[in-house]
Amino acid sequence: MQPRLTSLKVEDLRTTNAGMTRCISLAKLAANSDVPIVLLGETGTGKTLLAQAIHNSSARAEGPFISFNASAMSDTLLESQLFGHEKGAFTGAQQAVKGKFELANAGTIFLDEISDMSPLAQVKILRVLEYGEFERLGSERMLKTDARIICATNVSLRDRVRQGKFREDLYHRLNGLTILIPALRDRREELPGLIANELKVSALRLGKKITAIHPAAMDRLLMHDWRGNLRELSHRANNDSVLRRRRHHARACSFSAGPRAASNICKFVGEKCEPCAS
């Protein structure tokens, strides 16, 4: 099995793909520095996993790793989440609460979907990057934080700057190192191993034994576009690796690579692989 996310390190990552090899090499450099990092990749490519691995391999590994998704949130709620608030700062604020930057002190804060942050939030993030300080919502007292920032986006921040949707000064502050994570469809040579691993994890969770894959099923999986990347692969392993009970073949289970995949092929079985009617 893969190491748990909380203990995964960059050196635990393995690949046979040239793009991923470069990605891992840059991640090793990132782990040995303290500069802000931008992880660029499509949804589901494993940006959170890589951010955690970089943190675990860095000098801040003993500190906290705080993850925060910055999308689809009002300015007030986002400010409260990131910087905390004082009692009475807004309706329903019955006690003082620490924000993510305060909680991430001496560790790493991972800001996902950074490109979707509002202009106000961008200004406040810039201040933290420049001075290492912030205010809780409803307070005038300045607080300090020593949190390393790793952010993630599925669109180019440079393009967002050109479109006037992202501050150029914040872009330059964040862009200490950009790491591109290849899409799964660009890593097809790794699919057999990734599929086998996801099935192994699912089988262990279900208490089942899955030892083989039907060649026809593998062909379908290798041809699939995997627009959802690793997240889609994991989702299908979790949802499709469920035993199908039949009168003549009780241990067959299905792992289809799309809604129109043939259902008359037994994709995975306990002891052997053979056709199976749905």
C-alpha atoms as a PDB file:
ATOM      1  CA  MET A   1       0.000   0.000   0.000  1.00  0.00           C
ATOM      2  CA  GLN A   2       1.002   3.618  -0.371  1.00  0.00           C
ATOM      3  CA  PRO A   3       2.110   5.425   2.793  1.00  0.00           C
ATOM      4  CA  ARG A   4      -0.654   7.279   4.603  1.00  0.00           C
ATOM      5  CA  LEU A   5      -1.069  10.868   3.485  1.00  0.00           C
ATOM      6  CA  THR A   6       0.015  12.156   6.895  1.00  0.00           C
ATOM      7  CA  SER A   7       3.353  10.320   6.688  1.00  0.00           C
ATOM      8  CA  LEU A   8       4.037  10.431   2.935  1.00  0.00           C
ATOM      9  CA  LYS A   9       7.377  11.971   1.961  1.00  0.00           C
ATOM     10  CA  VAL A  10       8.753  13.062  -1.389  1.00  0.00           C
ATOM     11  CA  GLU A  11      11.242  10.200  -1.342  1.00  0.00           C
ATOM     12  CA  ASP A  12       8.309   7.766  -1.130  1.00  0.00           C
ATOM     13  CA  LEU A  13       7.057   8.867  -4.559  1.00  0.00           C
ATOM     14  CA  ARG A  14       7.949   6.598  -7.471  1.00  0.00           C
ATOM     15  CA  THR A  15       7.452   7.094 -11.204  1.00  0.00           C
ATOM     16  CA  THR A  16       8.523   5.889 -14.637  1.00  0.00           C
ATOM     17  CA  ASN A  17       7.156   8.979 -16.393  1.00  0.00           C
ATOM     18  CA  ALA A  18       9.484  11.779 -17.515  1.00  0.00           C
ATOM     19  CA  GLY A  19       7.048  14.547 -16.538  1.00  0.00           C
ATOM     20  CA  MET A  20       6.501  13.087 -13.085  1.00  0.00           C
ATOM     21  CA  THR A  21      10.251  12.573 -12.666  1.00  0.00           C
ATOM     22  CA  ARG A  22      10.754  16.306 -13.155  1.00  0.00           C
ATOM     23  CA  CYS A  23       7.841  17.021 -10.811  1.00  0.00           C
ATOM     24  CA  ILE A  24       9.365  14.887  -8.050  1.00  0.00           C
ATOM     25  CA  SER A  25      12.821  16.410  -8.590  1.00  0.00           C
ATOM     26  CA  LEU A  26      11.372  19.898  -8.134  1.00  0.00           C
ATOM     27  CA  ALA A  27       9.441  18.712  -5.077  1.00  0.00           C
ATOM     28  CA  LYS A  28      12.730  17.583  -3.511  1.00  0.00           C
ATOM     29  CA  LEU A  29      14.197  21.031  -4.130  1.00  0.00           C
ATOM     30  CA  ALA A  30      11.079  22.606  -2.642  1.00  0.00           C
ATOM     31  CA  ALA A  31      11.350  20.456   0.483  1.00  0.00           C
ATOM     32  CA  ASN A  32      14.889  21.724   1.052  1.00  0.00           C
ATOM     33  CA  SER A  33      13.870  25.376   0.845  1.00  0.00           C
ATOM     34  CA  ASP A  34      11.291  27.625   2.439  1.00  0.00           C
ATOM     35  CA  VAL A  35      10.105  29.600  -0.595  1.00  0.00           C
ATOM     36  CA  PRO A  36       6.410  29.775  -1.502  1.00  0.00           C
ATOM     37  CA  ILE A  37       5.343  27.101  -3.979  1.00  0.00           C
ATOM     38  CA  VAL A  38       2.666  26.973  -6.678  1.00  0.00           C
ATOM     39  CA  LEU A  39       1.429  23.493  -7.599  1.00  0.00           C
ATOM     40  CA  LEU A  40      -0.163  23.620 -11.049  1.00  0.00           C
ATOM     41  CA  GLY A  41      -2.257  20.729 -12.302  1.00  0.00           C
ATOM     42  CA  GLU A  42      -5.710  19.627 -13.335  1.00  0.00           C
ATOM     43  CA  THR A  43      -8.307  18.703 -10.762  1.00  0.00           C
ATOM     44  CA  GLY A  44      -7.548  15.335  -9.198  1.00  0.00           C
ATOM     45  CA  THR A  45      -3.852  15.140 -10.116  1.00  0.00           C
ATOM     46  CA  GLY A  46      -2.730  14.872  -6.492  1.00  0.00           C
ATOM     47  CA  LYS A  47      -1.799  18.446  -5.565  1.00  0.00           C
ATOM     48  CA  THR A  48      -2.801  18.006  -1.915  1.00  0.00           C
ATOM     49  CA  LEU A  49      -0.826  14.766  -1.701  1.00  0.00           C
ATOM     50  CA  LEU A  50       2.281  16.431  -3.124  1.00  0.00           C
ATOM     51  CA  ALA A  51       1.929  19.435  -0.821  1.00  0.00           C
ATOM     52  CA  GLN A  52       1.735  17.120   2.198  1.00  0.00           C
ATOM     53  CA  ALA A  53       4.772  15.161   0.965  1.00  0.00           C
ATOM     54  CA  ILE A  54       6.803  18.357   0.562  1.00  0.00           C
ATOM     55  CA  HIS A  55       5.854  19.445   4.083  1.00  0.00           C
ATOM     56  CA  ASN A  56       6.734  16.042   5.532  1.00  0.00           C
ATOM     57  CA  SER A  57      10.147  16.149   3.853  1.00  0.00           C
ATOM     58  CA  SER A  58      10.936  19.701   4.944  1.00  0.00           C
ATOM     59  CA  ALA A  59      12.465  21.225   8.064  1.00  0.00           C
ATOM     60  CA  ARG A  60       8.880  22.075   9.114  1.00  0.00           C
ATOM     61  CA  ALA A  61       7.783  18.437   9.243  1.00  0.00           C
ATOM     62  CA  GLU A  62       7.251  18.557  13.003  1.00  0.00           C
ATOM     63  CA  GLY A  63       4.955  21.551  12.620  1.00  0.00           C
ATOM     64  CA  PRO A  64       1.305  21.542  11.514  1.00  0.00           C
ATOM     65  CA  PHE A  65       0.085  21.071   7.953  1.00  0.00           C
ATOM     66  CA  ILE A  66      -3.078  23.133   7.512  1.00  0.00           C
ATOM     67  CA  SER A  67      -5.122  22.747   4.327  1.00  0.00           C
ATOM     68  CA  PHE A  68      -7.672  25.300   3.136  1.00  0.00           C
ATOM     69  CA  ASN A  69      -9.809  25.498  -0.008  1.00  0.00           C
ATOM     70  CA  ALA A  70     -10.181  29.122  -1.031  1.00  0.00           C
ATOM     71  CA  SER A  71     -12.952  28.777  -3.606  1.00  0.00           C
ATOM     72  CA  ALA A  72     -16.630  29.735  -3.420  1.00  0.00           C
ATOM     73  CA  MET A  73     -16.511  31.601  -0.125  1.00  0.00           C
ATOM     74  CA  SER A  74     -17.671  35.075   0.879  1.00  0.00           C
ATOM     75  CA  ASP A  75     -15.025  37.623   1.879  1.00  0.00           C
ATOM     76  CA  THR A  76     -16.145  37.699   5.514  1.00  0.00           C
ATOM     77  CA  LEU A  77     -16.173  33.927   5.897  1.00  0.00           C
ATOM     78  CA  LEU A  78     -12.879  33.554   4.043  1.00  0.00           C
ATOM     79  CA  GLU A  79     -11.225  36.227   6.205  1.00  0.00           C
ATOM     80  CA  SER A  80     -12.558  34.561   9.345  1.00  0.00           C
ATOM     81  CA  GLN A  81     -11.315  31.149   8.215  1.00  0.00           C
ATOM     82  CA  LEU A  82      -7.850  32.336   7.227  1.00  0.00           C
ATOM     83  CA  PHE A  83      -7.139  34.896   9.928  1.00  0.00           C
ATOM     84  CA  GLY A  84      -9.579  34.057  12.717  1.00  0.00           C
ATOM     85  CA  HIS A  85     -12.039  36.331  14.456  1.00  0.00           C
ATOM     86  CA  GLU A  86     -12.730  37.875  17.836  1.00  0.00           C
ATOM     87  CA  LYS A  87     -15.850  37.352  19.886  1.00  0.00           C
ATOM     88  CA  GLY A  88     -18.647  39.535  18.530  1.00  0.00           C
ATOM     89  CA  ALA A  89     -16.859  40.230  15.229  1.00  0.00           C
ATOM     90  CA  PHE A  90     -20.040  39.261  13.387  1.00  0.00           C
ATOM     91  CA  THR A  91     -23.432  37.768  14.134  1.00  0.00           C
ATOM     92  CA  GLY A  92     -22.933  34.335  15.623  1.00  0.00           C
ATOM     93  CA  ALA A  93     -19.307  34.892  16.655  1.00  0.00           C
ATOM     94  CA  GLN A  94     -19.740  33.831  20.264  1.00  0.00           C
ATOM     95  CA  GLN A  95     -16.058  33.269  20.977  1.00  0.00           C
ATOM     96  CA  ALA A  96     -12.632  34.087  19.597  1.00  0.00           C
ATOM     97  CA  VAL A  97     -11.379  31.592  16.999  1.00  0.00           C
ATOM     98  CA  LYS A  98      -7.886  31.123  15.570  1.00  0.00           C
ATOM     99  CA  GLY A  99      -7.550  31.209  11.791  1.00  0.00           C
ATOM    100  CA  LYS A 100      -5.621  28.914   9.490  1.00  0.00           C
ATOM    101  CA  PHE A 101      -2.521  31.120   9.384  1.00  0.00           C
ATOM    102  CA  GLU A 102      -2.356  31.215  13.150  1.00  0.00           C
ATOM    103  CA  LEU A 103      -2.817  27.455  13.380  1.00  0.00           C
ATOM    104  CA  ALA A 104      -0.130  26.897  10.733  1.00  0.00           C
ATOM    105  CA  ASN A 105       2.541  28.816  12.648  1.00  0.00           C
ATOM    106  CA  ALA A 106       5.923  27.028  12.393  1.00  0.00           C
ATOM    107  CA  GLY A 107       4.395  24.700   9.812  1.00  0.00           C
ATOM    108  CA  THR A 108       2.840  24.830   6.346  1.00  0.00           C
ATOM    109  CA  ILE A 109      -0.431  26.241   5.082  1.00  0.00           C
ATOM    110  CA  PHE A 110      -1.788  24.760   1.851  1.00  0.00           C
ATOM    111  CA  LEU A 111      -4.094  27.107  -0.053  1.00  0.00           C
ATOM    112  CA  ASP A 112      -6.044  25.178  -2.656  1.00  0.00           C
ATOM    113  CA  GLU A 113      -7.804  26.907  -5.575  1.00  0.00           C
ATOM    114  CA  ILE A 114      -5.781  30.090  -4.925  1.00  0.00           C
ATOM    115  CA  SER A 115      -6.812  31.475  -8.324  1.00  0.00           C
ATOM    116  CA  ASP A 116     -10.419  31.788  -7.128  1.00  0.00           C
ATOM    117  CA  MET A 117      -9.613  34.057  -4.169  1.00  0.00           C
ATOM    118  CA  SER A 118     -11.376  37.403  -4.079  1.00  0.00           C
ATOM    119  CA  PRO A 119      -9.413  40.667  -4.542  1.00  0.00           C
ATOM    120  CA  LEU A 120      -9.769  41.476  -0.822  1.00  0.00           C
ATOM    121  CA  ALA A 121      -8.421  38.087   0.218  1.00  0.00           C
ATOM    122  CA  GLN A 122      -5.514  38.501  -2.209  1.00  0.00           C
ATOM    123  CA  VAL A 123      -4.540  41.788  -0.556  1.00  0.00           C
ATOM    124  CA  LYS A 124      -4.521  40.178   2.887  1.00  0.00           C
ATOM    125  CA  ILE A 125      -2.511  37.171   1.695  1.00  0.00           C
ATOM    126  CA  LEU A 126       0.015  39.561   0.164  1.00  0.00           C
ATOM    127  CA  ARG A 127       0.425  41.301   3.503  1.00  0.00           C
ATOM    128  CA  VAL A 128       1.160  37.998   5.225  1.00  0.00           C
ATOM    129  CA  LEU A 129       3.754  37.146   2.589  1.00  0.00           C
ATOM    130  CA  GLU A 130       5.443  40.543   2.846  1.00  0.00           C
ATOM    131  CA  TYR A 131       5.383  41.103   6.599  1.00  0.00           C
ATOM    132  CA  GLY A 132       4.329  37.816   8.199  1.00  0.00           C
ATOM    133  CA  GLU A 133       1.515  39.561  10.041  1.00  0.00           C
ATOM    134  CA  PHE A 134      -2.272  39.752  10.048  1.00  0.00           C
ATOM    135  CA  GLU A 135      -5.261  40.810  12.117  1.00  0.00           C
ATOM    136  CA  ARG A 136      -8.142  38.703  13.277  1.00  0.00           C
ATOM    137  CA  LEU A 137     -11.528  39.825  12.033  1.00  0.00           C
ATOM    138  CA  GLY A 138     -12.878  42.331  14.570  1.00  0.00           C
ATOM    139  CA  SER A 139      -9.473  43.110  16.061  1.00  0.00           C
ATOM    140  CA  GLU A 140      -6.833  45.812  15.587  1.00  0.00           C
ATOM    141  CA  ARG A 141      -4.104  43.785  17.269  1.00  0.00           C
ATOM    142  CA  MET A 142      -1.417  42.617  14.876  1.00  0.00           C
ATOM    143  CA  LEU A 143      -0.467  38.938  15.069  1.00  0.00           C
ATOM    144  CA  LYS A 144       2.617  37.254  13.635  1.00  0.00           C
ATOM    145  CA  THR A 145       2.874  33.946  11.820  1.00  0.00           C
ATOM    146  CA  ASP A 146       5.764  31.910  10.484  1.00  0.00           C
ATOM    147  CA  ALA A 147       3.906  29.662   8.056  1.00  0.00           C
ATOM    148  CA  ARG A 148       5.325  28.389   4.793  1.00  0.00           C
ATOM    149  CA  ILE A 149       2.800  28.814   1.956  1.00  0.00           C
ATOM    150  CA  ILE A 150       2.103  26.156  -0.653  1.00  0.00           C
ATOM    151  CA  CYS A 151      -0.741  26.972  -2.990  1.00  0.00           C
ATOM    152  CA  ALA A 152      -2.462  25.037  -5.752  1.00  0.00           C
ATOM    153  CA  THR A 153      -4.353  25.955  -8.873  1.00  0.00           C
ATOM    154  CA  ASN A 154      -5.755  24.200 -11.925  1.00  0.00           C
ATOM    155  CA  VAL A 155      -5.316  27.284 -14.119  1.00  0.00           C
ATOM    156  CA  SER A 156      -2.263  29.381 -14.918  1.00  0.00           C
ATOM    157  CA  LEU A 157      -1.856  32.249 -12.448  1.00  0.00           C
ATOM    158  CA  ARG A 158       0.071  34.133 -15.117  1.00  0.00           C
ATOM    159  CA  ASP A 159      -3.015  33.942 -17.354  1.00  0.00           C
ATOM    160  CA  ARG A 160      -5.207  35.123 -14.479  1.00  0.00           C
ATOM    161  CA  VAL A 161      -2.884  38.116 -14.052  1.00  0.00           C
ATOM    162  CA  ARG A 162      -3.200  38.958 -17.768  1.00  0.00           C
ATOM    163  CA  GLN A 163      -6.986  38.718 -17.426  1.00  0.00           C
ATOM    164  CA  GLY A 164      -6.936  41.149 -14.493  1.00  0.00           C
ATOM    165  CA  LYS A 165      -8.308  38.505 -12.117  1.00  0.00           C
ATOM    166  CA  PHE A 166      -5.189  38.005  -9.991  1.00  0.00           C
ATOM    167  CA  ARG A 167      -2.822  40.566  -8.486  1.00  0.00           C
ATOM    168  CA  GLU A 168       0.533  40.683 -10.242  1.00  0.00           C
ATOM    169  CA  ASP A 169       2.421  41.547  -7.048  1.00  0.00           C
ATOM    170  CA  LEU A 170       0.868  38.562  -5.271  1.00  0.00           C
ATOM    171  CA  TYR A 171       1.705  36.319  -8.222  1.00  0.00           C
ATOM    172  CA  HIS A 172       5.379  37.265  -8.003  1.00  0.00           C
ATOM    173  CA  ARG A 173       5.388  36.749  -4.228  1.00  0.00           C
ATOM    174  CA  LEU A 174       3.821  33.305  -4.511  1.00  0.00           C
ATOM    175  CA  ASN A 175       5.820  32.144  -7.494  1.00  0.00           C
ATOM    176  CA  GLY A 176       9.016  31.145  -5.717  1.00  0.00           C
ATOM    177  CA  LEU A 177       8.793  27.787  -7.456  1.00  0.00           C
ATOM    178  CA  THR A 178       6.103  26.392  -9.749  1.00  0.00           C
ATOM    179  CA  ILE A 179       5.687  22.623 -10.027  1.00  0.00           C
ATOM    180  CA  LEU A 180       3.606  21.203 -12.874  1.00  0.00           C
ATOM    181  CA  ILE A 181       1.862  17.913 -12.116  1.00  0.00           C
ATOM    182  CA  PRO A 182       1.120  15.970 -15.340  1.00  0.00           C
ATOM    183  CA  ALA A 183      -2.400  14.768 -16.069  1.00  0.00           C
ATOM    184  CA  LEU A 184      -3.024  11.033 -15.725  1.00  0.00           C
ATOM    185  CA  ARG A 185      -3.700  10.665 -19.469  1.00  0.00           C
ATOM    186  CA  ASP A 186      -0.115  11.854 -20.029  1.00  0.00           C
ATOM    187  CA  ARG A 187       1.204   9.097 -17.769  1.00  0.00           C
ATOM    188  CA  ARG A 188      -0.432   6.074 -19.396  1.00  0.00           C
ATOM    189  CA  GLU A 189       2.615   3.868 -18.870  1.00  0.00           C
ATOM    190  CA  GLU A 190       1.937   4.139 -15.122  1.00  0.00           C
ATOM    191  CA  LEU A 191      -1.753   3.213 -15.330  1.00  0.00           C
ATOM    192  CA  PRO A 192      -1.379  -0.567 -14.805  1.00  0.00           C
ATOM    193  CA  GLY A 193       0.524  -0.038 -11.558  1.00  0.00           C
ATOM    194  CA  LEU A 194      -1.783   2.730 -10.348  1.00  0.00           C
ATOM    195  CA  ILE A 195      -4.890   0.655 -11.118  1.00  0.00           C
ATOM    196  CA  ALA A 196      -3.448  -2.370  -9.334  1.00  0.00           C
ATOM    197  CA  ASN A 197      -2.603  -0.265  -6.293  1.00  0.00           C
ATOM    198  CA  GLU A 198      -6.039   1.358  -6.097  1.00  0.00           C
ATOM    199  CA  LEU A 199      -7.699  -2.054  -6.349  1.00  0.00           C
ATOM    200  CA  LYS A 200      -5.429  -3.446  -3.674  1.00  0.00           C
ATOM    201  CA  VAL A 201      -6.388  -0.608  -1.345  1.00  0.00           C
ATOM    202  CA  SER A 202     -10.096  -1.074  -2.121  1.00  0.00           C
ATOM    203  CA  ALA A 203      -9.890  -4.836  -1.707  1.00  0.00           C
ATOM    204  CA  LEU A 204      -8.224  -4.500   1.692  1.00  0.00           C
ATOM    205  CA  ARG A 205     -10.882  -2.042   2.783  1.00  0.00           C
ATOM    206  CA  LEU A 206     -13.648  -4.382   1.610  1.00  0.00           C
ATOM    207  CA  GLY A 207     -11.949  -7.470   3.022  1.00  0.00           C
ATOM    208  CA  LYS A 208     -11.863  -9.041  -0.441  1.00  0.00           C
ATOM    209  CA  LYS A 209      -9.205 -10.780  -2.514  1.00  0.00           C
ATOM    210  CA  ILE A 210      -8.624  -9.416  -6.005  1.00  0.00           C
ATOM    211  CA  THR A 211      -5.661 -10.943  -7.798  1.00  0.00           C
ATOM    212  CA  ALA A 212      -6.177 -10.402 -11.532  1.00  0.00           C
ATOM    213  CA  ILE A 213      -7.581  -8.074 -14.161  1.00  0.00           C
ATOM    214  CA  HIS A 214      -9.228  -9.145 -17.390  1.00  0.00           C
ATOM    215  CA  PRO A 215      -7.139  -8.030 -20.421  1.00  0.00           C
ATOM    216  CA  ALA A 216     -10.219  -6.529 -22.093  1.00  0.00           C
ATOM    217  CA  ALA A 217     -10.857  -4.426 -19.015  1.00  0.00           C
ATOM    218  CA  MET A 218      -7.258  -3.202 -18.902  1.00  0.00           C
ATOM    219  CA  ASP A 219      -7.489  -2.206 -22.573  1.00  0.00           C
ATOM    220  CA  ARG A 220     -10.566  -0.108 -21.806  1.00  0.00           C
ATOM    221  CA  LEU A 221      -8.898   1.502 -18.802  1.00  0.00           C
ATOM    222  CA  LEU A 222      -5.747   2.360 -20.747  1.00  0.00           C
ATOM    223  CA  MET A 223      -7.824   4.007 -23.494  1.00  0.00           C
ATOM    224  CA  HIS A 224      -9.940   6.039 -21.050  1.00  0.00           C
ATOM    225  CA  ASP A 225      -9.152   9.792 -20.883  1.00  0.00           C
ATOM    226  CA  TRP A 226      -9.286   9.998 -17.054  1.00  0.00           C
ATOM    227  CA  ARG A 227     -10.396  13.630 -17.049  1.00  0.00           C
ATOM    228  CA  GLY A 228     -10.768  13.346 -13.273  1.00  0.00           C
ATOM    229  CA  ASN A 229      -7.215  12.017 -12.991  1.00  0.00           C
ATOM    230  CA  LEU A 230      -6.192  10.179  -9.807  1.00  0.00           C
ATOM    231  CA  ARG A 231      -9.400  11.239  -8.070  1.00  0.00           C
ATOM    232  CA  GLU A 232     -11.502   9.577 -10.774  1.00  0.00           C
ATOM    233  CA  LEU A 233      -9.340   6.462 -10.662  1.00  0.00           C
ATOM    234  CA  SER A 234      -9.688   6.194  -6.889  1.00  0.00           C
ATOM    235  CA  HIS A 235     -13.430   6.850  -7.091  1.00  0.00           C
ATOM    236  CA  ARG A 236     -13.947   4.072  -9.629  1.00  0.00           C
ATOM    237  CA  ALA A 237     -11.846   1.656  -7.600  1.00  0.00           C
ATOM    238  CA  ASN A 238     -13.873   2.432  -4.488  1.00  0.00           C
ATOM    239  CA  ASN A 239     -17.248   2.236  -6.169  1.00  0.00           C
ATOM    240  CA  ASP A 240     -16.786  -0.422  -8.835  1.00  0.00           C
ATOM    241  CA  SER A 241     -14.675  -2.956  -6.947  1.00  0.00           C
ATOM    242  CA  VAL A 242     -17.769  -4.406  -5.332  1.00  0.00           C
ATOM    243  CA  LEU A 243     -18.454  -8.119  -5.540  1.00  0.00           C
ATOM    244  CA  ARG A 244     -21.161  -9.192  -7.971  1.00  0.00           C
ATOM    245  CA  ARG A 245     -22.889 -12.301  -6.723  1.00  0.00           C
ATOM    246  CA  ARG A 246     -23.884 -14.795  -9.430  1.00  0.00           C
ATOM    247  CA  ARG A 247     -25.074 -18.364  -9.311  1.00  0.00           C
ATOM    248  CA  HIS A 248     -22.037 -19.559 -11.275  1.00  0.00           C
ATOM    249  CA  HIS A 249     -19.438 -16.968 -10.393  1.00  0.00           C
ATOM    250  CA  ALA A 250     -19.718 -15.511  -6.905  1.00  0.00           C
ATOM    251  CA  ARG A 251     -16.452 -13.633  -6.669  1.00  0.00           C
ATOM    252  CA  ALA A 252     -16.590 -11.496  -9.793  1.00  0.00           C
ATOM    253  CA  CYS A 253     -16.368  -7.758  -9.429  1.00  0.00           C
ATOM    254  CA  SER A 254     -16.558  -4.929 -11.947  1.00  0.00           C
ATOM    255  CA  PHE A 255     -14.255  -2.003 -12.635  1.00  0.00           C
ATOM    256  CA  SER A 256     -15.605  -0.141 -15.653  1.00  0.00           C
ATOM    257  CA  ALA A 257     -13.857   2.779 -17.328  1.00  0.00           C
ATOM    258  CA  GLY A 258     -17.001   4.693 -18.128  1.00  0.00           C
ATOM    259  CA  PRO A 259     -20.789   4.507 -18.076  1.00  0.00           C
ATOM    260  CA  ARG A 260     -20.924   2.680 -21.440  1.00  0.00           C
ATOM    261  CA  ALA A 261     -18.271   0.089 -20.617  1.00  0.00           C
ATOM    262  CA  ALA A 262     -19.367  -3.443 -21.409  1.00  0.00           C
ATOM    263  CA  SER A 263     -21.015  -5.072 -18.432  1.00  0.00           C
ATOM    264  CA  ASN A 264     -20.600  -8.609 -19.755  1.00  0.00           C
ATOM    265  CA  ILE A 265     -16.913  -8.787 -18.911  1.00  0.00           C
ATOM    266  CA  CYS A 266     -15.801  -9.895 -15.495  1.00  0.00           C
ATOM    267  CA  LYS A 267     -13.061  -7.341 -14.835  1.00  0.00           C
ATOM    268  CA  PHE A 268     -11.535  -8.621 -11.615  1.00  0.00           C
ATOM    269  CA  VAL A 269     -11.879 -11.921  -9.826  1.00  0.00           C
ATOM    270  CA  GLY A 270     -10.521 -13.632  -6.756  1.00  0.00           C
ATOM    271  CA  GLU A 271      -8.632 -16.563  -8.196  1.00  0.00           C
ATOM    272  CA  LYS A 272      -8.805 -16.179 -11.977  1.00  0.00           C
ATOM    273  CA  CYS A 273     -10.115 -13.947 -14.721  1.00  0.00           C
ATOM    274  CA  GLU A 274     -12.851 -14.999 -17.106  1.00  0.00           C
ATOM    275  CA  PRO A 275     -15.940 -13.603 -18.905  1.00  0.00           C
ATOM    276  CA  CYS A 276     -18.965 -13.104 -16.742  1.00  0.00           C
ATOM    277  CA  ALA A 277     -22.497 -12.081 -17.730  1.00  0.00           C
ATOM    278  CA  SER A 278     -23.953  -9.169 -15.798  1.00  0.00           C
END
